[in-house]
Amino acid sequence: MLHSDAVRERDTETVLLADAQPVVRRDVRPAARRMLEIDASHWRSQRDFYDALKGLLGSVERHCCSSEAVVETMIYYPDLNTQQPPYDILIRNASAELRPFLFDFACGVAQARQDRRASREWGDDVAVVVTVA
């Protein structure tokens, strides 16, 4: 099993005020994570994955054409999807042929989360996890 949750949830929240002074709020609890499951037993191609993920996330059609576009909307622009973080995506029953692709996708989600946290522009995390079971 592989999942993309490389980060533990934080219990603080940093908010920038109008004058850019950070204020730290303690004991902020993340919203309850939802488990979004996908049965991959009928998938024969990567396109089947993108179609299923588009339906699951409520994505705009053009944003589910490649892994990079999907990860971008999940991590950097989640407001383009109907489903908003925090959520876990659990992919079950994937064929042996598609598993390497799905593992790469899950790793891409983890890497994007790490990049977002390290970015001066973003500097925060998005609670999105992809697990291939």
Protein backbone atom coordinates (compact mmCIF):
# COMPACT_ATOMS: atom_id res chain seq x y z
CA MET A 1 0.00 0.00 0.00
CA LEU A 2 1.27 3.45 -0.86
CA HIS A 3 -0.13 6.72 0.27
CA SER A 4 0.87 10.32 -0.17
CA ASP A 5 0.42 11.61 3.38
CA ALA A 6 3.99 12.56 4.12
CA VAL A 7 3.03 15.22 6.65
CA ARG A 8 1.31 15.17 10.03
CA GLU A 9 -1.57 17.54 10.62
CA ARG A 10 -0.67 20.79 12.37
CA ASP A 11 -2.49 22.15 15.39
CA THR A 12 -1.81 25.80 14.67
CA GLU A 13 -2.86 28.21 11.97
CA THR A 14 -0.96 31.28 10.81
CA VAL A 15 -3.00 34.19 9.54
CA LEU A 16 -1.58 37.29 7.89
CA LEU A 17 -3.25 40.53 8.85
CA ALA A 18 -3.59 43.50 6.51
CA ASP A 19 -0.21 44.85 7.61
CA ALA A 20 1.38 41.40 6.99
CA GLN A 21 1.96 40.69 10.69
CA PRO A 22 1.51 36.97 11.35
CA VAL A 23 -0.86 35.88 14.09
CA VAL A 24 -0.72 32.28 15.28
CA ARG A 25 -3.92 30.69 16.47
CA ARG A 26 -3.44 27.73 18.78
CA ASP A 27 -5.59 24.62 18.99
CA VAL A 28 -7.00 24.96 15.48
CA ARG A 29 -8.38 21.59 14.51
CA PRO A 30 -8.51 20.61 10.85
CA ALA A 31 -11.92 19.86 9.43
CA ALA A 32 -12.83 16.19 9.46
CA ARG A 33 -11.14 14.33 6.65
CA ARG A 34 -13.42 12.56 4.24
CA MET A 35 -12.51 9.22 2.71
CA LEU A 36 -13.29 9.21 -1.01
CA GLU A 37 -13.04 5.68 -2.39
CA ILE A 38 -12.70 4.62 -6.01
CA ASP A 39 -13.07 1.07 -7.28
CA ALA A 40 -10.54 0.64 -10.09
CA SER A 41 -11.51 -2.93 -10.99
CA HIS A 42 -13.04 -1.86 -14.34
CA TRP A 43 -10.29 0.53 -15.41
CA ARG A 44 -8.40 -0.43 -18.53
CA SER A 45 -6.48 2.81 -19.14
CA GLN A 46 -5.21 6.00 -17.55
CA ARG A 47 -8.16 7.77 -19.13
CA ASP A 48 -10.49 5.63 -17.00
CA PHE A 49 -8.64 6.89 -13.93
CA TYR A 50 -8.94 10.53 -14.99
CA ASP A 51 -12.65 10.11 -15.73
CA ALA A 52 -13.29 8.49 -12.33
CA LEU A 53 -11.26 11.15 -10.51
CA LYS A 54 -13.05 13.94 -12.38
CA GLY A 55 -16.38 12.56 -11.22
CA LEU A 56 -15.16 12.02 -7.68
CA LEU A 57 -13.71 15.51 -7.26
CA GLY A 58 -16.28 17.35 -9.35
CA SER A 59 -13.52 18.71 -11.56
CA VAL A 60 -13.81 20.94 -14.56
CA GLU A 61 -13.46 18.78 -17.70
CA ARG A 62 -10.26 20.35 -18.97
CA HIS A 63 -8.47 19.86 -15.63
CA CYS A 64 -8.48 16.06 -15.77
CA CYS A 65 -6.40 15.55 -18.89
CA SER A 66 -3.05 14.84 -17.24
CA SER A 67 -1.60 14.00 -13.83
CA GLU A 68 0.06 17.41 -13.60
CA ALA A 69 -3.22 19.24 -14.22
CA VAL A 70 -5.10 17.08 -11.72
CA VAL A 71 -2.45 17.50 -9.01
CA GLU A 72 -2.40 21.24 -9.63
CA THR A 73 -6.14 21.53 -9.01
CA MET A 74 -5.97 19.24 -5.96
CA ILE A 75 -3.03 20.99 -4.27
CA TYR A 76 -2.71 24.54 -5.61
CA TYR A 77 -6.21 25.44 -6.84
CA PRO A 78 -8.64 23.15 -5.00
CA ASP A 79 -11.45 25.68 -5.41
CA LEU A 80 -11.70 24.51 -9.03
CA ASN A 81 -13.10 21.21 -7.71
CA THR A 82 -16.40 20.59 -5.97
CA GLN A 83 -14.70 18.45 -3.31
CA GLN A 84 -12.57 20.59 -1.01
CA PRO A 85 -9.74 19.41 1.25
CA PRO A 86 -9.25 17.80 3.63
CA TYR A 87 -9.85 14.43 2.02
CA ASP A 88 -8.21 11.07 1.41
CA ILE A 89 -8.62 9.28 -1.89
CA LEU A 90 -8.44 5.50 -1.62
CA ILE A 91 -8.00 3.61 -4.89
CA ARG A 92 -8.90 -0.07 -4.61
CA ASN A 93 -8.67 -3.03 -6.97
CA ALA A 94 -6.32 -1.47 -9.53
CA SER A 95 -4.91 -3.80 -12.17
CA ALA A 96 -1.23 -4.70 -12.14
CA GLU A 97 -0.84 -2.73 -15.37
CA LEU A 98 -2.15 0.53 -13.87
CA ARG A 99 -0.58 0.26 -10.40
CA PRO A 100 2.79 1.82 -11.37
CA PHE A 101 0.99 4.80 -12.92
CA LEU A 102 -1.22 5.18 -9.83
CA PHE A 103 1.79 4.95 -7.50
CA ASP A 104 3.49 7.69 -9.53
CA PHE A 105 0.35 9.80 -9.23
CA ALA A 106 0.24 9.33 -5.43
CA CYS A 107 3.93 10.27 -5.22
CA GLY A 108 3.22 13.35 -7.36
CA VAL A 109 0.55 14.45 -4.88
CA ALA A 110 2.97 14.03 -1.96
CA GLN A 111 5.68 15.96 -3.82
CA ALA A 112 3.27 18.79 -4.69
CA ARG A 113 2.26 19.08 -1.03
CA GLN A 114 5.92 19.27 -0.05
CA ASP A 115 6.63 21.87 -2.75
CA ARG A 116 3.66 23.96 -1.63
CA ARG A 117 4.87 23.97 1.98
CA ALA A 118 8.36 25.00 0.88
CA SER A 119 7.15 27.75 -1.46
CA ARG A 120 7.41 31.41 -0.46
CA GLU A 121 4.22 32.07 -2.41
CA TRP A 122 2.12 29.36 -0.73
CA GLY A 123 3.94 28.28 2.44
CA ASP A 124 1.17 26.09 3.76
CA ASP A 125 -0.16 22.58 3.35
CA VAL A 126 -3.28 21.12 1.78
CA ALA A 127 -4.62 17.99 3.47
CA VAL A 128 -4.98 15.73 0.45
CA VAL A 129 -3.85 12.10 0.54
CA VAL A 130 -3.92 9.49 -2.23
CA THR A 131 -3.63 5.83 -1.24
CA VAL A 132 -3.33 2.93 -3.68
CA ALA A 133 -4.44 -0.23 -1.88
